[in-house]
Amino acid sequence: MHEGLPQGSVLAAILFLFHINHLASNIPGDVLVSLFANDLAALVQEEEKAKAEAKAQEVLDIVAAWSQESHSVLAPTKSQSSWLTTENNDVSQMSPCMALNC
């Protein structure tokens, strides 16, 4: 094994946190980031939908760049985004796909 982390061991989750921990410092300070085991969750909050989408895409671009630099393989098919809004008319206008390759 030349790069990456072993899977299935007792220490794998802790080793992954050491591996991914500095990624959170690359994400803008107004984005809430949560790291747990091999998952990252980012919460973007904006008044306008377009600003929220732009900031979320910025976070995705940072994660994609980090994954290339650290030789980590991402699984876009296991990734998802959720939109929460108080405006009923905004729901139908949300972009159906925000991903690393969209």
PDB file of N, CA and C in Angstrom:
ATOM      1  N   MET A   1       0.844  -1.167   0.000  1.00  0.00           N
ATOM      2  CA  MET A   1       0.000   0.000   0.000  1.00  0.00           C
ATOM      3  C   MET A   1       0.894   1.236   0.000  1.00  0.00           C
ATOM      4  N   HIS A   2       0.809   2.033  -1.053  1.00  0.00           N
ATOM      5  CA  HIS A   2       1.677   3.194  -1.200  1.00  0.00           C
ATOM      6  C   HIS A   2       1.038   4.481  -0.675  1.00  0.00           C
ATOM      7  N   GLU A   3      -0.270   4.538  -0.635  1.00  0.00           N
ATOM      8  CA  GLU A   3      -0.959   5.721  -0.127  1.00  0.00           C
ATOM      9  C   GLU A   3      -2.333   5.337   0.368  1.00  0.00           C
ATOM     10  N   GLY A   4      -2.946   6.231   1.119  1.00  0.00           N
ATOM     11  CA  GLY A   4      -4.260   5.943   1.673  1.00  0.00           C
ATOM     12  C   GLY A   4      -4.149   5.346   3.068  1.00  0.00           C
ATOM     13  N   LEU A   5      -5.253   4.832   3.540  1.00  0.00           N
ATOM     14  CA  LEU A   5      -5.325   4.277   4.889  1.00  0.00           C
ATOM     15  C   LEU A   5      -5.920   2.880   4.847  1.00  0.00           C
ATOM     16  N   PRO A   6      -5.449   1.991   5.727  1.00  0.00           N
ATOM     17  CA  PRO A   6      -6.036   0.645   5.764  1.00  0.00           C
ATOM     18  C   PRO A   6      -7.471   0.709   6.277  1.00  0.00           C
ATOM     19  N   GLN A   7      -8.320  -0.123   5.715  1.00  0.00           N
ATOM     20  CA  GLN A   7      -9.710  -0.157   6.147  1.00  0.00           C
ATOM     21  C   GLN A   7      -9.962  -1.393   6.987  1.00  0.00           C
ATOM     22  N   GLY A   8     -10.935  -1.274   7.874  1.00  0.00           N
ATOM     23  CA  GLY A   8     -11.356  -2.427   8.644  1.00  0.00           C
ATOM     24  C   GLY A   8     -10.621  -2.632   9.950  1.00  0.00           C
ATOM     25  N   SER A   9      -9.624  -1.835  10.234  1.00  0.00           N
ATOM     26  CA  SER A   9      -8.908  -2.011  11.497  1.00  0.00           C
ATOM     27  C   SER A   9      -9.564  -1.161  12.584  1.00  0.00           C
ATOM     28  N   VAL A  10      -9.209  -1.438  13.808  1.00  0.00           N
ATOM     29  CA  VAL A  10      -9.754  -0.698  14.943  1.00  0.00           C
ATOM     30  C   VAL A  10      -9.339   0.769  14.878  1.00  0.00           C
ATOM     31  N   LEU A  11      -8.159   1.031  14.392  1.00  0.00           N
ATOM     32  CA  LEU A  11      -7.633   2.393  14.351  1.00  0.00           C
ATOM     33  C   LEU A  11      -7.969   3.147  13.068  1.00  0.00           C
ATOM     34  N   ALA A  12      -8.620   2.519  12.108  1.00  0.00           N
ATOM     35  CA  ALA A  12      -8.857   3.139  10.805  1.00  0.00           C
ATOM     36  C   ALA A  12      -9.590   4.477  10.924  1.00  0.00           C
ATOM     37  N   ALA A  13     -10.634   4.550  11.734  1.00  0.00           N
ATOM     38  CA  ALA A  13     -11.398   5.799  11.862  1.00  0.00           C
ATOM     39  C   ALA A  13     -10.549   6.915  12.457  1.00  0.00           C
ATOM     40  N   ILE A  14      -9.753   6.598  13.467  1.00  0.00           N
ATOM     41  CA  ILE A  14      -8.902   7.614  14.091  1.00  0.00           C
ATOM     42  C   ILE A  14      -7.807   8.053  13.125  1.00  0.00           C
ATOM     43  N   LEU A  15      -7.209   7.108  12.421  1.00  0.00           N
ATOM     44  CA  LEU A  15      -6.191   7.462  11.434  1.00  0.00           C
ATOM     45  C   LEU A  15      -6.774   8.341  10.336  1.00  0.00           C
ATOM     46  N   PHE A  16      -8.001   8.041   9.925  1.00  0.00           N
ATOM     47  CA  PHE A  16      -8.637   8.860   8.896  1.00  0.00           C
ATOM     48  C   PHE A  16      -8.868  10.279   9.401  1.00  0.00           C
ATOM     49  N   LEU A  17      -9.253  10.436  10.661  1.00  0.00           N
ATOM     50  CA  LEU A  17      -9.448  11.780  11.206  1.00  0.00           C
ATOM     51  C   LEU A  17      -8.151  12.581  11.184  1.00  0.00           C
ATOM     52  N   PHE A  18      -7.034  11.936  11.486  1.00  0.00           N
ATOM     53  CA  PHE A  18      -5.739  12.624  11.369  1.00  0.00           C
ATOM     54  C   PHE A  18      -5.482  13.016   9.921  1.00  0.00           C
ATOM     55  N   HIS A  19      -5.844  12.141   9.021  1.00  0.00           N
ATOM     56  CA  HIS A  19      -5.627  12.369   7.587  1.00  0.00           C
ATOM     57  C   HIS A  19      -6.481  13.528   7.064  1.00  0.00           C
ATOM     58  N   ILE A  20      -7.727  13.621   7.514  1.00  0.00           N
ATOM     59  CA  ILE A  20      -8.679  14.595   6.966  1.00  0.00           C
ATOM     60  C   ILE A  20      -8.782  15.879   7.798  1.00  0.00           C
ATOM     61  N   ASN A  21      -8.225  15.879   8.987  1.00  0.00           N
ATOM     62  CA  ASN A  21      -8.442  16.980   9.922  1.00  0.00           C
ATOM     63  C   ASN A  21      -8.078  18.342   9.345  1.00  0.00           C
ATOM     64  N   HIS A  22      -6.984  18.459   8.616  1.00  0.00           N
ATOM     65  CA  HIS A  22      -6.582  19.761   8.101  1.00  0.00           C
ATOM     66  C   HIS A  22      -7.487  20.258   6.976  1.00  0.00           C
ATOM     67  N   LEU A  23      -8.294  19.384   6.397  1.00  0.00           N
ATOM     68  CA  LEU A  23      -9.235  19.812   5.360  1.00  0.00           C
ATOM     69  C   LEU A  23     -10.195  20.865   5.907  1.00  0.00           C
ATOM     70  N   ALA A  24     -10.662  20.689   7.115  1.00  0.00           N
ATOM     71  CA  ALA A  24     -11.618  21.627   7.716  1.00  0.00           C
ATOM     72  C   ALA A  24     -11.052  23.038   7.794  1.00  0.00           C
ATOM     73  N   SER A  25      -9.749  23.175   7.983  1.00  0.00           N
ATOM     74  CA  SER A  25      -9.150  24.518   8.072  1.00  0.00           C
ATOM     75  C   SER A  25      -9.102  25.214   6.718  1.00  0.00           C
ATOM     76  N   ASN A  26      -9.276  24.489   5.621  1.00  0.00           N
ATOM     77  CA  ASN A  26      -9.292  25.082   4.284  1.00  0.00           C
ATOM     78  C   ASN A  26     -10.662  25.617   3.892  1.00  0.00           C
ATOM     79  N   ILE A  27     -11.684  25.209   4.620  1.00  0.00           N
ATOM     80  CA  ILE A  27     -13.060  25.599   4.302  1.00  0.00           C
ATOM     81  C   ILE A  27     -13.356  26.939   4.978  1.00  0.00           C
ATOM     82  N   PRO A  28     -14.048  27.861   4.277  1.00  0.00           N
ATOM     83  CA  PRO A  28     -14.334  29.184   4.850  1.00  0.00           C
ATOM     84  C   PRO A  28     -14.945  29.100   6.251  1.00  0.00           C
ATOM     85  N   GLY A  29     -14.599  30.056   7.085  1.00  0.00           N
ATOM     86  CA  GLY A  29     -15.012  30.063   8.486  1.00  0.00           C
ATOM     87  C   GLY A  29     -16.505  30.166   8.718  1.00  0.00           C
ATOM     88  N   ASP A  30     -17.260  30.698   7.748  1.00  0.00           N
ATOM     89  CA  ASP A  30     -18.702  30.826   7.950  1.00  0.00           C
ATOM     90  C   ASP A  30     -19.470  29.567   7.532  1.00  0.00           C
ATOM     91  N   VAL A  31     -18.746  28.514   7.169  1.00  0.00           N
ATOM     92  CA  VAL A  31     -19.361  27.222   6.834  1.00  0.00           C
ATOM     93  C   VAL A  31     -19.129  26.288   8.014  1.00  0.00           C
ATOM     94  N   LEU A  32     -20.205  25.716   8.523  1.00  0.00           N
ATOM     95  CA  LEU A  32     -20.105  24.772   9.635  1.00  0.00           C
ATOM     96  C   LEU A  32     -19.674  23.419   9.081  1.00  0.00           C
ATOM     97  N   VAL A  33     -18.565  22.891   9.614  1.00  0.00           N
ATOM     98  CA  VAL A  33     -18.020  21.624   9.134  1.00  0.00           C
ATOM     99  C   VAL A  33     -18.038  20.620  10.272  1.00  0.00           C
ATOM    100  N   SER A  34     -18.475  19.406   9.956  1.00  0.00           N
ATOM    101  CA  SER A  34     -18.489  18.326  10.925  1.00  0.00           C
ATOM    102  C   SER A  34     -17.776  17.124  10.322  1.00  0.00           C
ATOM    103  N   LEU A  35     -16.808  16.584  11.044  1.00  0.00           N
ATOM    104  CA  LEU A  35     -16.076  15.400  10.616  1.00  0.00           C
ATOM    105  C   LEU A  35     -16.392  14.268  11.580  1.00  0.00           C
ATOM    106  N   PHE A  36     -16.754  13.127  11.031  1.00  0.00           N
ATOM    107  CA  PHE A  36     -16.997  11.955  11.864  1.00  0.00           C
ATOM    108  C   PHE A  36     -16.609  10.720  11.082  1.00  0.00           C
ATOM    109  N   ALA A  37     -15.746   9.914  11.640  1.00  0.00           N
ATOM    110  CA  ALA A  37     -15.237   8.704  10.980  1.00  0.00           C
ATOM    111  C   ALA A  37     -14.775   9.073   9.585  1.00  0.00           C
ATOM    112  N   ASN A  38     -15.385   8.525   8.559  1.00  0.00           N
ATOM    113  CA  ASN A  38     -14.946   8.845   7.201  1.00  0.00           C
ATOM    114  C   ASN A  38     -15.941   9.745   6.478  1.00  0.00           C
ATOM    115  N   ASP A  39     -16.678  10.555   7.221  1.00  0.00           N
ATOM    116  CA  ASP A  39     -17.668  11.453   6.641  1.00  0.00           C
ATOM    117  C   ASP A  39     -17.332  12.899   6.939  1.00  0.00           C
ATOM    118  N   LEU A  40     -17.707  13.760   6.009  1.00  0.00           N
ATOM    119  CA  LEU A  40     -17.601  15.200   6.196  1.00  0.00           C
ATOM    120  C   LEU A  40     -18.968  15.783   5.874  1.00  0.00           C
ATOM    121  N   ALA A  41     -19.456  16.643   6.731  1.00  0.00           N
ATOM    122  CA  ALA A  41     -20.703  17.350   6.468  1.00  0.00           C
ATOM    123  C   ALA A  41     -20.411  18.835   6.550  1.00  0.00           C
ATOM    124  N   ALA A  42     -20.936  19.590   5.583  1.00  0.00           N
ATOM    125  CA  ALA A  42     -20.757  21.043   5.564  1.00  0.00           C
ATOM    126  C   ALA A  42     -22.126  21.693   5.504  1.00  0.00           C
ATOM    127  N   LEU A  43     -22.341  22.685   6.354  1.00  0.00           N
ATOM    128  CA  LEU A  43     -23.612  23.400   6.393  1.00  0.00           C
ATOM    129  C   LEU A  43     -23.372  24.834   5.938  1.00  0.00           C
ATOM    130  N   VAL A  44     -24.030  25.197   4.836  1.00  0.00           N
ATOM    131  CA  VAL A  44     -23.928  26.537   4.273  1.00  0.00           C
ATOM    132  C   VAL A  44     -25.248  27.247   4.524  1.00  0.00           C
ATOM    133  N   GLN A  45     -25.179  28.467   5.017  1.00  0.00           N
ATOM    134  CA  GLN A  45     -26.396  29.216   5.305  1.00  0.00           C
ATOM    135  C   GLN A  45     -26.287  30.586   4.662  1.00  0.00           C
ATOM    136  N   GLU A  46     -27.244  30.917   3.814  1.00  0.00           N
ATOM    137  CA  GLU A  46     -27.293  32.208   3.136  1.00  0.00           C
ATOM    138  C   GLU A  46     -28.736  32.661   2.996  1.00  0.00           C
ATOM    139  N   GLU A  47     -28.945  33.944   2.853  1.00  0.00           N
ATOM    140  CA  GLU A  47     -30.292  34.487   2.649  1.00  0.00           C
ATOM    141  C   GLU A  47     -30.801  34.194   1.243  1.00  0.00           C
ATOM    142  N   GLU A  48     -29.901  34.198   0.260  1.00  0.00           N
ATOM    143  CA  GLU A  48     -30.305  34.007  -1.131  1.00  0.00           C
ATOM    144  C   GLU A  48     -29.841  32.646  -1.638  1.00  0.00           C
ATOM    145  N   LYS A  49     -30.708  31.992  -2.413  1.00  0.00           N
ATOM    146  CA  LYS A  49     -30.428  30.659  -2.945  1.00  0.00           C
ATOM    147  C   LYS A  49     -29.155  30.645  -3.782  1.00  0.00           C
ATOM    148  N   ALA A  50     -28.970  31.634  -4.643  1.00  0.00           N
ATOM    149  CA  ALA A  50     -27.801  31.670  -5.525  1.00  0.00           C
ATOM    150  C   ALA A  50     -26.505  31.763  -4.721  1.00  0.00           C
ATOM    151  N   LYS A  51     -26.523  32.542  -3.661  1.00  0.00           N
ATOM    152  CA  LYS A  51     -25.331  32.652  -2.811  1.00  0.00           C
ATOM    153  C   LYS A  51     -25.043  31.336  -2.092  1.00  0.00           C
ATOM    154  N   ALA A  52     -26.097  30.672  -1.637  1.00  0.00           N
ATOM    155  CA  ALA A  52     -25.921  29.382  -0.953  1.00  0.00           C
ATOM    156  C   ALA A  52     -25.352  28.351  -1.916  1.00  0.00           C
ATOM    157  N   GLU A  53     -25.870  28.306  -3.134  1.00  0.00           N
ATOM    158  CA  GLU A  53     -25.361  27.359  -4.127  1.00  0.00           C
ATOM    159  C   GLU A  53     -23.900  27.645  -4.459  1.00  0.00           C
ATOM    160  N   ALA A  54     -23.559  28.921  -4.609  1.00  0.00           N
ATOM    161  CA  ALA A  54     -22.173  29.295  -4.933  1.00  0.00           C
ATOM    162  C   ALA A  54     -21.226  28.907  -3.805  1.00  0.00           C
ATOM    163  N   LYS A  55     -21.635  29.154  -2.578  1.00  0.00           N
ATOM    164  CA  LYS A  55     -20.778  28.809  -1.441  1.00  0.00           C
ATOM    165  C   LYS A  55     -20.650  27.303  -1.283  1.00  0.00           C
ATOM    166  N   ALA A  56     -21.747  26.574  -1.486  1.00  0.00           N
ATOM    167  CA  ALA A  56     -21.690  25.111  -1.406  1.00  0.00           C
ATOM    168  C   ALA A  56     -20.766  24.563  -2.492  1.00  0.00           C
ATOM    169  N   GLN A  57     -20.834  25.132  -3.693  1.00  0.00           N
ATOM    170  CA  GLN A  57     -19.950  24.680  -4.765  1.00  0.00           C
ATOM    171  C   GLN A  57     -18.494  25.002  -4.431  1.00  0.00           C
ATOM    172  N   GLU A  58     -18.256  26.142  -3.788  1.00  0.00           N
ATOM    173  CA  GLU A  58     -16.898  26.493  -3.353  1.00  0.00           C
ATOM    174  C   GLU A  58     -16.353  25.441  -2.384  1.00  0.00           C
ATOM    175  N   VAL A  59     -17.190  25.012  -1.449  1.00  0.00           N
ATOM    176  CA  VAL A  59     -16.781  23.973  -0.493  1.00  0.00           C
ATOM    177  C   VAL A  59     -16.475  22.669  -1.232  1.00  0.00           C
ATOM    178  N   LEU A  60     -17.332  22.298  -2.186  1.00  0.00           N
ATOM    179  CA  LEU A  60     -17.094  21.079  -2.958  1.00  0.00           C
ATOM    180  C   LEU A  60     -15.792  21.164  -3.752  1.00  0.00           C
ATOM    181  N   ASP A  61     -15.502  22.334  -4.294  1.00  0.00           N
ATOM    182  CA  ASP A  61     -14.252  22.518  -5.038  1.00  0.00           C
ATOM    183  C   ASP A  61     -13.042  22.380  -4.123  1.00  0.00           C
ATOM    184  N   ILE A  62     -13.147  22.899  -2.903  1.00  0.00           N
ATOM    185  CA  ILE A  62     -12.060  22.770  -1.924  1.00  0.00           C
ATOM    186  C   ILE A  62     -11.842  21.303  -1.571  1.00  0.00           C
ATOM    187  N   VAL A  63     -12.935  20.570  -1.356  1.00  0.00           N
ATOM    188  CA  VAL A  63     -12.831  19.145  -1.025  1.00  0.00           C
ATOM    189  C   VAL A  63     -12.222  18.377  -2.195  1.00  0.00           C
ATOM    190  N   ALA A  64     -12.629  18.704  -3.415  1.00  0.00           N
ATOM    191  CA  ALA A  64     -12.089  18.017  -4.593  1.00  0.00           C
ATOM    192  C   ALA A  64     -10.591  18.282  -4.729  1.00  0.00           C
ATOM    193  N   ALA A  65     -10.176  19.536  -4.528  1.00  0.00           N
ATOM    194  CA  ALA A  65      -8.748  19.871  -4.615  1.00  0.00           C
ATOM    195  C   ALA A  65      -7.955  19.144  -3.531  1.00  0.00           C
ATOM    196  N   TRP A  66      -8.513  19.113  -2.313  1.00  0.00           N
ATOM    197  CA  TRP A  66      -7.844  18.405  -1.211  1.00  0.00           C
ATOM    198  C   TRP A  66      -7.689  16.926  -1.538  1.00  0.00           C
ATOM    199  N   SER A  67      -8.737  16.326  -2.116  1.00  0.00           N
ATOM    200  CA  SER A  67      -8.670  14.895  -2.405  1.00  0.00           C
ATOM    201  C   SER A  67      -7.590  14.588  -3.434  1.00  0.00           C
ATOM    202  N   GLN A  68      -7.411  15.476  -4.400  1.00  0.00           N
ATOM    203  CA  GLN A  68      -6.356  15.259  -5.390  1.00  0.00           C
ATOM    204  C   GLN A  68      -4.975  15.420  -4.756  1.00  0.00           C
ATOM    205  N   GLU A  69      -4.818  16.446  -3.922  1.00  0.00           N
ATOM    206  CA  GLU A  69      -3.529  16.694  -3.273  1.00  0.00           C
ATOM    207  C   GLU A  69      -3.156  15.569  -2.312  1.00  0.00           C
ATOM    208  N   SER A  70      -4.145  15.008  -1.629  1.00  0.00           N
ATOM    209  CA  SER A  70      -3.878  13.975  -0.623  1.00  0.00           C
ATOM    210  C   SER A  70      -4.014  12.563  -1.194  1.00  0.00           C
ATOM    211  N   HIS A  71      -4.271  12.469  -2.505  1.00  0.00           N
ATOM    212  CA  HIS A  71      -4.425  11.170  -3.169  1.00  0.00           C
ATOM    213  C   HIS A  71      -5.539  10.337  -2.546  1.00  0.00           C
ATOM    214  N   SER A  72      -6.598  11.018  -2.144  1.00  0.00           N
ATOM    215  CA  SER A  72      -7.771  10.346  -1.588  1.00  0.00           C
ATOM    216  C   SER A  72      -8.838  10.237  -2.674  1.00  0.00           C
ATOM    217  N   VAL A  73      -9.484   9.111  -2.725  1.00  0.00           N
ATOM    218  CA  VAL A  73     -10.528   8.893  -3.724  1.00  0.00           C
ATOM    219  C   VAL A  73     -11.880   9.206  -3.087  1.00  0.00           C
ATOM    220  N   LEU A  74     -12.639  10.083  -3.733  1.00  0.00           N
ATOM    221  CA  LEU A  74     -13.977  10.412  -3.252  1.00  0.00           C
ATOM    222  C   LEU A  74     -14.995   9.517  -3.939  1.00  0.00           C
ATOM    223  N   ALA A  75     -16.130   9.375  -3.309  1.00  0.00           N
ATOM    224  CA  ALA A  75     -17.222   8.574  -3.877  1.00  0.00           C
ATOM    225  C   ALA A  75     -18.424   9.485  -4.108  1.00  0.00           C
ATOM    226  N   PRO A  76     -18.461  10.186  -5.260  1.00  0.00           N
ATOM    227  CA  PRO A  76     -19.575  11.103  -5.514  1.00  0.00           C
ATOM    228  C   PRO A  76     -20.935  10.427  -5.463  1.00  0.00           C
ATOM    229  N   THR A  77     -21.011   9.139  -5.808  1.00  0.00           N
ATOM    230  CA  THR A  77     -22.307   8.451  -5.773  1.00  0.00           C
ATOM    231  C   THR A  77     -22.794   8.229  -4.340  1.00  0.00           C
ATOM    232  N   LYS A  78     -21.897   8.340  -3.374  1.00  0.00           N
ATOM    233  CA  LYS A  78     -22.284   8.201  -1.972  1.00  0.00           C
ATOM    234  C   LYS A  78     -22.479   9.558  -1.311  1.00  0.00           C
ATOM    235  N   SER A  79     -22.355  10.621  -2.093  1.00  0.00           N
ATOM    236  CA  SER A  79     -22.498  11.979  -1.571  1.00  0.00           C
ATOM    237  C   SER A  79     -23.882  12.506  -1.900  1.00  0.00           C
ATOM    238  N   GLN A  80     -24.341  13.425  -1.085  1.00  0.00           N
ATOM    239  CA  GLN A  80     -25.649  14.012  -1.333  1.00  0.00           C
ATOM    240  C   GLN A  80     -25.706  15.419  -0.769  1.00  0.00           C
ATOM    241  N   SER A  81     -26.668  16.173  -1.258  1.00  0.00           N
ATOM    242  CA  SER A  81     -26.905  17.509  -0.723  1.00  0.00           C
ATOM    243  C   SER A  81     -28.376  17.622  -0.354  1.00  0.00           C
ATOM    244  N   SER A  82     -28.644  18.448   0.618  1.00  0.00           N
ATOM    245  CA  SER A  82     -30.018  18.700   1.051  1.00  0.00           C
ATOM    246  C   SER A  82     -30.213  20.199   1.156  1.00  0.00           C
ATOM    247  N   TRP A  83     -31.364  20.653   0.764  1.00  0.00           N
ATOM    248  CA  TRP A  83     -31.691  22.067   0.841  1.00  0.00           C
ATOM    249  C   TRP A  83     -32.837  22.247   1.823  1.00  0.00           C
ATOM    250  N   LEU A  84     -32.684  23.181   2.723  1.00  0.00           N
ATOM    251  CA  LEU A  84     -33.744  23.516   3.676  1.00  0.00           C
ATOM    252  C   LEU A  84     -34.104  24.970   3.455  1.00  0.00           C
ATOM    253  N   THR A  85     -35.380  25.252   3.317  1.00  0.00           N
ATOM    254  CA  THR A  85     -35.831  26.612   3.082  1.00  0.00           C
ATOM    255  C   THR A  85     -37.192  26.816   3.739  1.00  0.00           C
ATOM    256  N   THR A  86     -37.490  28.052   4.034  1.00  0.00           N
ATOM    257  CA  THR A  86     -38.801  28.390   4.579  1.00  0.00           C
ATOM    258  C   THR A  86     -39.741  28.878   3.480  1.00  0.00           C
ATOM    259  N   GLU A  87     -39.226  29.031   2.274  1.00  0.00           N
ATOM    260  CA  GLU A  87     -40.025  29.523   1.152  1.00  0.00           C
ATOM    261  C   GLU A  87     -40.466  28.360   0.266  1.00  0.00           C
ATOM    262  N   ASN A  88     -41.764  28.152   0.118  1.00  0.00           N
ATOM    263  CA  ASN A  88     -42.287  27.055  -0.691  1.00  0.00           C
ATOM    264  C   ASN A  88     -41.893  27.181  -2.157  1.00  0.00           C
ATOM    265  N   ASN A  89     -41.874  28.395  -2.701  1.00  0.00           N
ATOM    266  CA  ASN A  89     -41.577  28.555  -4.119  1.00  0.00           C
ATOM    267  C   ASN A  89     -40.099  28.311  -4.431  1.00  0.00           C
ATOM    268  N   ASP A  90     -39.219  28.347  -3.454  1.00  0.00           N
ATOM    269  CA  ASP A  90     -37.797  28.108  -3.690  1.00  0.00           C
ATOM    270  C   ASP A  90     -37.489  26.631  -3.912  1.00  0.00           C
ATOM    271  N   VAL A  91     -38.283  25.735  -3.364  1.00  0.00           N
ATOM    272  CA  VAL A  91     -37.993  24.308  -3.415  1.00  0.00           C
ATOM    273  C   VAL A  91     -37.957  23.809  -4.855  1.00  0.00           C
ATOM    274  N   SER A  92     -38.913  24.220  -5.668  1.00  0.00           N
ATOM    275  CA  SER A  92     -38.964  23.728  -7.046  1.00  0.00           C
ATOM    276  C   SER A  92     -37.857  24.317  -7.908  1.00  0.00           C
ATOM    277  N   GLN A  93     -37.217  25.386  -7.459  1.00  0.00           N
ATOM    278  CA  GLN A  93     -36.182  26.041  -8.251  1.00  0.00           C
ATOM    279  C   GLN A  93     -34.768  25.626  -7.860  1.00  0.00           C
ATOM    280  N   MET A  94     -34.615  24.749  -6.880  1.00  0.00           N
ATOM    281  CA  MET A  94     -33.296  24.319  -6.442  1.00  0.00           C
ATOM    282  C   MET A  94     -32.638  23.442  -7.493  1.00  0.00           C
ATOM    283  N   SER A  95     -31.361  23.576  -7.637  1.00  0.00           N
ATOM    284  CA  SER A  95     -30.614  22.736  -8.580  1.00  0.00           C
ATOM    285  C   SER A  95     -30.675  21.290  -8.114  1.00  0.00           C
ATOM    286  N   PRO A  96     -31.041  20.372  -8.979  1.00  0.00           N
ATOM    287  CA  PRO A  96     -31.141  18.969  -8.572  1.00  0.00           C
ATOM    288  C   PRO A  96     -29.772  18.341  -8.349  1.00  0.00           C
ATOM    289  N   CYS A  97     -28.721  18.908  -8.937  1.00  0.00           N
ATOM    290  CA  CYS A  97     -27.397  18.283  -8.828  1.00  0.00           C
ATOM    291  C   CYS A  97     -26.366  19.322  -8.451  1.00  0.00           C
ATOM    292  N   MET A  98     -25.785  19.136  -7.295  1.00  0.00           N
ATOM    293  CA  MET A  98     -24.598  19.891  -6.921  1.00  0.00           C
ATOM    294  C   MET A  98     -23.594  18.834  -6.518  1.00  0.00           C
ATOM    295  N   ALA A  99     -22.611  18.624  -7.322  1.00  0.00           N
ATOM    296  CA  ALA A  99     -21.639  17.585  -7.045  1.00  0.00           C
ATOM    297  C   ALA A  99     -20.284  18.001  -7.569  1.00  0.00           C
ATOM    298  N   LEU A 100     -19.339  17.137  -7.375  1.00  0.00           N
ATOM    299  CA  LEU A 100     -17.973  17.446  -7.771  1.00  0.00           C
ATOM    300  C   LEU A 100     -17.822  17.555  -9.274  1.00  0.00           C
ATOM    301  N   ASN A 101     -18.669  16.903 -10.024  1.00  0.00           N
ATOM    302  CA  ASN A 101     -18.524  16.899 -11.475  1.00  0.00           C
ATOM    303  C   ASN A 101     -19.668  17.598 -12.208  1.00  0.00           C
ATOM    304  N   CYS A 102     -20.534  18.302 -11.523  1.00  0.00           N
ATOM    305  CA  CYS A 102     -21.668  18.959 -12.189  1.00  0.00           C
ATOM    306  C   CYS A 102     -21.287  20.345 -12.677  1.00  0.00           C
TER     307      CYS A 102
END
